[in-house]
Structures are given as C-alpha cells and as structure tokens.
Amino acid sequence: ADLRKGGVRVGAGAGVIDAARFSQKIAFQGTPAQTPTQAVAEQMKIDAILEKAVDAHGGLEALLAVKRLTADSKTTLTTPDGKIAATTKTTIEYPDRVRVDAQLPDAHIVQVYANGKGWLKDPAGVHDAPPEMLKDFHAGVLRDPLALVRAIATKAFAVTLHPEEGQDGRVLKVLGMSGQGL
C-alpha cells in the first residue's frame, strides 16, 4: 500500500538520528536496479525516518505497551433531511480490534472488527459485516497512525522510500508499505 494514497504520512525533519538501532528491525526490499550501496543508503534513510517516528511516540517499548486507545467524539452529520447530532466512542485494541459505538437521535449503532471478522448492531438487529464493509474496517485499522508505526517497527510490513513531497511549505518524507494483509 502506498501511504501517499491513504493520506497518512510520517514526517521527519532534518537532524542527526542514530539509525543503527533500527536497521535490524525493518525488512528492506530493494529493487533489482539498485546496487548494494544504494540499497544500504536507502535503508539508512528509512531507518532514520522510522526511528524518529517511533521516538515521537515515546520509543519502541512505550509504543508496544499501548494496549487500548479510546476516543469519544461529538459530530454533526449532514444528510439530505438536514443535520443530525451524533456521539461516538471508538475503542481500538491493538493490534487489530476496533469497536465503534454511535448514538444517533433515533438509534444506537455498534460496529465491531476483530481479527478479520466484523459485525454490526442497528435497530434491525445484529448482522455479520458484508465483505465490502470488512475491507473498510481493515483499511481503517491500517490508517490509525499508532497501529502503522507499531506494524512497521515490528517488521510486519516491508518499507520502501518514495520521493519527498511538499505540503503547506513543508517537505515530507514518504514511505510505502508492502506485505501480507495490505
């Protein structure tokens, strides 16, 4: 999956970073056209970006110690019939379980995704999530920045370096991920 398409970017500015700690944790998949020197240089750049991202989350030990994250929110949905107020509680249990409880004026809706399976509860009852919804649930899990950094730091996915991109006057380092489950 190309992180540029999903809207998630790991930004890293200039600075000296000790990438040696990371080099043994991240799988590298070079292209056939790369020389060993180019591959090593690219891997060092990837390691530096990833180390900075992990450090920004408190370090690898702290990152992996997070077991659950809960977010409460209030939102207004715009529908053809007007605006509707809603509250949601989203609970993520790492690495891949998500539950969303949504309270609408006339309904309580629950969506659950765990280990590739999902279900929902709405006023009509409890239903298995259809395949397209499971894909959306899985993509949502992968868009969570904490889950992304955890997955990359534990070698769940291979990482490649893409050309830098500019946004709002900043230069962003762009990484791509590949692996099973993407």
C-alpha atoms as a PDB file:
ATOM      1  CA  ALA A   1       0.000   0.000   0.000  1.00  0.00           C
ATOM      2  CA  ASP A   2       1.298   3.395  -0.901  1.00  0.00           C
ATOM      3  CA  LEU A   3       0.884   5.653   2.114  1.00  0.00           C
ATOM      4  CA  ARG A   4       0.573   8.664  -0.191  1.00  0.00           C
ATOM      5  CA  LYS A   5      -2.787   7.335  -1.389  1.00  0.00           C
ATOM      6  CA  GLY A   6      -4.195   6.796   2.107  1.00  0.00           C
ATOM      7  CA  GLY A   7      -3.381  10.288   3.355  1.00  0.00           C
ATOM      8  CA  VAL A   8      -1.055   9.068   6.101  1.00  0.00           C
ATOM      9  CA  ARG A   9       2.490  10.357   6.149  1.00  0.00           C
ATOM     10  CA  VAL A  10       5.292  10.001   8.615  1.00  0.00           C
ATOM     11  CA  GLY A  11       7.074  13.369   8.598  1.00  0.00           C
ATOM     12  CA  ALA A  12      10.693  13.800   9.510  1.00  0.00           C
ATOM     13  CA  GLY A  13      12.736  16.987   9.513  1.00  0.00           C
ATOM     14  CA  ALA A  14      16.473  17.390   9.298  1.00  0.00           C
ATOM     15  CA  GLY A  15      18.625  16.235  12.181  1.00  0.00           C
ATOM     16  CA  VAL A  16      21.112  13.601  13.222  1.00  0.00           C
ATOM     17  CA  ILE A  17      19.473  10.287  14.100  1.00  0.00           C
ATOM     18  CA  ASP A  18      21.219   7.074  15.122  1.00  0.00           C
ATOM     19  CA  ALA A  19      19.638   4.644  12.666  1.00  0.00           C
ATOM     20  CA  ALA A  20      21.745   1.653  13.693  1.00  0.00           C
ATOM     21  CA  ARG A  21      19.199   0.651  16.328  1.00  0.00           C
ATOM     22  CA  PHE A  22      16.501   0.363  13.694  1.00  0.00           C
ATOM     23  CA  SER A  23      18.400  -1.332  10.881  1.00  0.00           C
ATOM     24  CA  GLN A  24      17.861  -4.822  12.270  1.00  0.00           C
ATOM     25  CA  LYS A  25      14.144  -4.315  12.917  1.00  0.00           C
ATOM     26  CA  ILE A  26      12.892  -3.259   9.494  1.00  0.00           C
ATOM     27  CA  ALA A  27      12.778  -5.541   6.455  1.00  0.00           C
ATOM     28  CA  PHE A  28      14.127  -3.995   3.261  1.00  0.00           C
ATOM     29  CA  GLN A  29      13.093  -4.921  -0.220  1.00  0.00           C
ATOM     30  CA  GLY A  30      15.307  -3.187  -2.737  1.00  0.00           C
ATOM     31  CA  THR A  31      14.624  -3.016  -6.420  1.00  0.00           C
ATOM     32  CA  PRO A  32      16.693  -5.105  -8.840  1.00  0.00           C
ATOM     33  CA  ALA A  33      18.187  -1.931 -10.340  1.00  0.00           C
ATOM     34  CA  GLN A  34      19.718  -0.863  -7.022  1.00  0.00           C
ATOM     35  CA  THR A  35      23.347  -1.518  -6.196  1.00  0.00           C
ATOM     36  CA  PRO A  36      24.171  -2.770  -2.697  1.00  0.00           C
ATOM     37  CA  THR A  37      25.483   0.704  -1.821  1.00  0.00           C
ATOM     38  CA  GLN A  38      22.242   2.348  -2.984  1.00  0.00           C
ATOM     39  CA  ALA A  39      20.182  -0.206  -1.083  1.00  0.00           C
ATOM     40  CA  VAL A  40      22.151   0.389   2.126  1.00  0.00           C
ATOM     41  CA  ALA A  41      21.868   4.170   1.741  1.00  0.00           C
ATOM     42  CA  GLU A  42      18.108   3.926   1.145  1.00  0.00           C
ATOM     43  CA  GLN A  43      17.686   1.604   4.122  1.00  0.00           C
ATOM     44  CA  MET A  44      19.579   4.044   6.344  1.00  0.00           C
ATOM     45  CA  LYS A  45      17.202   6.832   5.274  1.00  0.00           C
ATOM     46  CA  ILE A  46      14.182   4.615   6.002  1.00  0.00           C
ATOM     47  CA  ASP A  47      15.623   3.637   9.382  1.00  0.00           C
ATOM     48  CA  ALA A  48      16.191   7.274  10.320  1.00  0.00           C
ATOM     49  CA  ILE A  49      12.613   8.257   9.426  1.00  0.00           C
ATOM     50  CA  LEU A  50      11.156   5.294  11.297  1.00  0.00           C
ATOM     51  CA  GLU A  51      13.323   5.840  14.349  1.00  0.00           C
ATOM     52  CA  LYS A  52      12.185   9.448  14.515  1.00  0.00           C
ATOM     53  CA  ALA A  53       8.529   8.333  14.234  1.00  0.00           C
ATOM     54  CA  VAL A  54       8.963   5.727  16.977  1.00  0.00           C
ATOM     55  CA  ASP A  55      10.787   8.214  19.208  1.00  0.00           C
ATOM     56  CA  ALA A  56       7.962  10.723  18.683  1.00  0.00           C
ATOM     57  CA  HIS A  57       5.640   8.100  20.193  1.00  0.00           C
ATOM     58  CA  GLY A  58       7.846   7.635  23.283  1.00  0.00           C
ATOM     59  CA  GLY A  59      10.115   4.880  21.989  1.00  0.00           C
ATOM     60  CA  LEU A  60       9.508   1.308  20.893  1.00  0.00           C
ATOM     61  CA  GLU A  61       8.867  -0.037  24.398  1.00  0.00           C
ATOM     62  CA  ALA A  62       6.247   2.628  25.143  1.00  0.00           C
ATOM     63  CA  LEU A  63       4.688   2.200  21.704  1.00  0.00           C
ATOM     64  CA  LEU A  64       4.268  -1.544  22.163  1.00  0.00           C
ATOM     65  CA  ALA A  65       2.987  -1.094  25.725  1.00  0.00           C
ATOM     66  CA  VAL A  66      -0.161   0.646  24.463  1.00  0.00           C
ATOM     67  CA  LYS A  67      -2.877  -1.993  24.513  1.00  0.00           C
ATOM     68  CA  ARG A  68      -6.053   0.084  24.128  1.00  0.00           C
ATOM     69  CA  LEU A  69      -6.975   3.541  22.903  1.00  0.00           C
ATOM     70  CA  THR A  70     -10.419   5.101  23.365  1.00  0.00           C
ATOM     71  CA  ALA A  71     -11.711   8.249  21.670  1.00  0.00           C
ATOM     72  CA  ASP A  72     -15.020   9.950  22.456  1.00  0.00           C
ATOM     73  CA  SER A  73     -16.376  12.440  19.960  1.00  0.00           C
ATOM     74  CA  LYS A  74     -19.386  14.522  19.075  1.00  0.00           C
ATOM     75  CA  THR A  75     -20.174  15.236  15.458  1.00  0.00           C
ATOM     76  CA  THR A  76     -22.848  16.632  13.202  1.00  0.00           C
ATOM     77  CA  LEU A  77     -23.789  14.607  10.153  1.00  0.00           C
ATOM     78  CA  THR A  78     -25.222  16.372   7.138  1.00  0.00           C
ATOM     79  CA  THR A  79     -27.937  14.317   5.462  1.00  0.00           C
ATOM     80  CA  PRO A  80     -30.485  15.057   2.725  1.00  0.00           C
ATOM     81  CA  ASP A  81     -33.019  15.554   5.538  1.00  0.00           C
ATOM     82  CA  GLY A  82     -30.846  18.026   7.451  1.00  0.00           C
ATOM     83  CA  LYS A  83     -28.215  17.891  10.165  1.00  0.00           C
ATOM     84  CA  ILE A  84     -28.096  15.143  12.769  1.00  0.00           C
ATOM     85  CA  ALA A  85     -26.091  15.269  16.011  1.00  0.00           C
ATOM     86  CA  ALA A  86     -24.232  12.092  16.939  1.00  0.00           C
ATOM     87  CA  THR A  87     -21.798  10.937  19.594  1.00  0.00           C
ATOM     88  CA  THR A  88     -19.314   8.148  19.054  1.00  0.00           C
ATOM     89  CA  LYS A  89     -16.968   6.129  21.193  1.00  0.00           C
ATOM     90  CA  THR A  90     -14.201   4.380  19.291  1.00  0.00           C
ATOM     91  CA  THR A  91     -12.104   1.770  21.080  1.00  0.00           C
ATOM     92  CA  ILE A  92      -9.018   0.268  19.464  1.00  0.00           C
ATOM     93  CA  GLU A  93      -7.346  -2.779  20.991  1.00  0.00           C
ATOM     94  CA  TYR A  94      -4.006  -3.301  19.338  1.00  0.00           C
ATOM     95  CA  PRO A  95      -3.108  -4.776  17.011  1.00  0.00           C
ATOM     96  CA  ASP A  96      -6.369  -5.225  15.087  1.00  0.00           C
ATOM     97  CA  ARG A  97      -9.600  -4.883  17.070  1.00  0.00           C
ATOM     98  CA  VAL A  98     -11.917  -1.896  16.745  1.00  0.00           C
ATOM     99  CA  ARG A  99     -15.328  -1.130  18.203  1.00  0.00           C
ATOM    100  CA  VAL A 100     -17.368   1.957  17.337  1.00  0.00           C
ATOM    101  CA  ASP A 101     -20.499   2.826  19.327  1.00  0.00           C
ATOM    102  CA  ALA A 102     -22.536   5.586  17.669  1.00  0.00           C
ATOM    103  CA  GLN A 103     -25.507   7.220  19.340  1.00  0.00           C
ATOM    104  CA  LEU A 104     -27.849   8.936  16.895  1.00  0.00           C
ATOM    105  CA  PRO A 105     -31.119  10.659  17.852  1.00  0.00           C
ATOM    106  CA  ASP A 106     -33.192   7.588  16.953  1.00  0.00           C
ATOM    107  CA  ALA A 107     -30.702   4.717  17.044  1.00  0.00           C
ATOM    108  CA  HIS A 108     -27.697   3.176  18.730  1.00  0.00           C
ATOM    109  CA  ILE A 109     -25.322   1.557  16.228  1.00  0.00           C
ATOM    110  CA  VAL A 110     -22.371  -0.686  17.063  1.00  0.00           C
ATOM    111  CA  GLN A 111     -19.672  -1.769  14.618  1.00  0.00           C
ATOM    112  CA  VAL A 112     -17.028  -4.313  15.624  1.00  0.00           C
ATOM    113  CA  TYR A 113     -13.977  -5.548  13.713  1.00  0.00           C
ATOM    114  CA  ALA A 114     -11.675  -8.194  15.187  1.00  0.00           C
ATOM    115  CA  ASN A 115      -9.130 -10.444  13.542  1.00  0.00           C
ATOM    116  CA  GLY A 116     -10.588 -10.038  10.045  1.00  0.00           C
ATOM    117  CA  LYS A 117     -14.204 -10.576  11.080  1.00  0.00           C
ATOM    118  CA  GLY A 118     -16.870  -7.987  11.772  1.00  0.00           C
ATOM    119  CA  TRP A 119     -20.441  -7.462  12.818  1.00  0.00           C
ATOM    120  CA  LEU A 120     -22.826  -4.612  13.395  1.00  0.00           C
ATOM    121  CA  LYS A 121     -25.823  -3.952  15.549  1.00  0.00           C
ATOM    122  CA  ASP A 122     -28.503  -1.494  14.471  1.00  0.00           C
ATOM    123  CA  PRO A 123     -32.263  -1.101  15.021  1.00  0.00           C
ATOM    124  CA  ALA A 124     -32.868  -4.085  12.697  1.00  0.00           C
ATOM    125  CA  GLY A 125     -30.723  -6.428  14.826  1.00  0.00           C
ATOM    126  CA  VAL A 126     -27.233  -7.946  14.705  1.00  0.00           C
ATOM    127  CA  HIS A 127     -25.642  -8.711  11.328  1.00  0.00           C
ATOM    128  CA  ASP A 128     -22.352 -10.012  10.027  1.00  0.00           C
ATOM    129  CA  ALA A 129     -20.475  -7.256   8.236  1.00  0.00           C
ATOM    130  CA  PRO A 130     -20.603  -7.664   4.456  1.00  0.00           C
ATOM    131  CA  PRO A 131     -17.269  -8.210   2.645  1.00  0.00           C
ATOM    132  CA  GLU A 132     -17.002  -4.594   1.435  1.00  0.00           C
ATOM    133  CA  MET A 133     -17.506  -3.321   4.982  1.00  0.00           C
ATOM    134  CA  LEU A 134     -14.821  -5.719   6.249  1.00  0.00           C
ATOM    135  CA  LYS A 135     -12.414  -4.192   3.733  1.00  0.00           C
ATOM    136  CA  ASP A 136     -13.312  -0.719   5.026  1.00  0.00           C
ATOM    137  CA  PHE A 137     -12.827  -1.853   8.642  1.00  0.00           C
ATOM    138  CA  HIS A 138      -9.417  -3.344   7.798  1.00  0.00           C
ATOM    139  CA  ALA A 139      -8.363  -0.185   5.941  1.00  0.00           C
ATOM    140  CA  GLY A 140      -9.446   1.869   8.959  1.00  0.00           C
ATOM    141  CA  VAL A 141      -7.222  -0.208  11.228  1.00  0.00           C
ATOM    142  CA  LEU A 142      -4.275   0.441   8.903  1.00  0.00           C
ATOM    143  CA  ARG A 143      -4.941   4.202   8.815  1.00  0.00           C
ATOM    144  CA  ASP A 144      -4.501   4.515  12.565  1.00  0.00           C
ATOM    145  CA  PRO A 145      -1.080   6.208  12.922  1.00  0.00           C
ATOM    146  CA  LEU A 146      -0.172   4.346  16.101  1.00  0.00           C
ATOM    147  CA  ALA A 147      -1.036   0.990  14.509  1.00  0.00           C
ATOM    148  CA  LEU A 148       1.004   1.908  11.422  1.00  0.00           C
ATOM    149  CA  VAL A 149       4.111   2.812  13.393  1.00  0.00           C
ATOM    150  CA  ARG A 150       3.732  -0.315  15.561  1.00  0.00           C
ATOM    151  CA  ALA A 151       3.393  -2.545  12.481  1.00  0.00           C
ATOM    152  CA  ILE A 152       6.409  -1.049  10.734  1.00  0.00           C
ATOM    153  CA  ALA A 153       8.570  -1.087  13.864  1.00  0.00           C
ATOM    154  CA  THR A 154       7.863  -4.783  14.450  1.00  0.00           C
ATOM    155  CA  LYS A 155       8.601  -5.755  10.819  1.00  0.00           C
ATOM    156  CA  ALA A 156       5.000  -6.625   9.998  1.00  0.00           C
ATOM    157  CA  PHE A 157       5.471  -4.871   6.635  1.00  0.00           C
ATOM    158  CA  ALA A 158       8.342  -4.098   4.312  1.00  0.00           C
ATOM    159  CA  VAL A 159       9.032  -0.384   3.856  1.00  0.00           C
ATOM    160  CA  THR A 160      10.272   1.491   0.788  1.00  0.00           C
ATOM    161  CA  LEU A 161      11.289   5.108   0.346  1.00  0.00           C
ATOM    162  CA  HIS A 162       9.367   7.276  -2.135  1.00  0.00           C
ATOM    163  CA  PRO A 163      10.234  10.751  -3.447  1.00  0.00           C
ATOM    164  CA  GLU A 164       9.698  13.588  -0.985  1.00  0.00           C
ATOM    165  CA  GLU A 165       6.525  15.648  -1.280  1.00  0.00           C
ATOM    166  CA  GLY A 166       5.782  19.220  -0.338  1.00  0.00           C
ATOM    167  CA  GLN A 167       2.708  20.267   1.606  1.00  0.00           C
ATOM    168  CA  ASP A 168       1.941  23.614   3.242  1.00  0.00           C
ATOM    169  CA  GLY A 169       5.544  24.735   2.788  1.00  0.00           C
ATOM    170  CA  ARG A 170       6.939  21.593   4.438  1.00  0.00           C
ATOM    171  CA  VAL A 171       8.949  18.775   2.893  1.00  0.00           C
ATOM    172  CA  LEU A 172       7.578  15.369   3.818  1.00  0.00           C
ATOM    173  CA  LYS A 173       9.425  12.075   3.685  1.00  0.00           C
ATOM    174  CA  VAL A 174       7.130   9.499   2.067  1.00  0.00           C
ATOM    175  CA  LEU A 175       7.245   5.784   2.775  1.00  0.00           C
ATOM    176  CA  GLY A 176       5.421   2.912   1.098  1.00  0.00           C
ATOM    177  CA  MET A 177       4.493  -0.353   2.774  1.00  0.00           C
ATOM    178  CA  SER A 178       4.008  -3.806   1.368  1.00  0.00           C
ATOM    179  CA  GLY A 179       3.235  -7.162   2.866  1.00  0.00           C
ATOM    180  CA  GLN A 180       0.555  -9.683   3.612  1.00  0.00           C
ATOM    181  CA  GLY A 181      -2.760  -8.183   4.687  1.00  0.00           C
ATOM    182  CA  LEU A 182      -2.443  -4.893   2.819  1.00  0.00           C
END
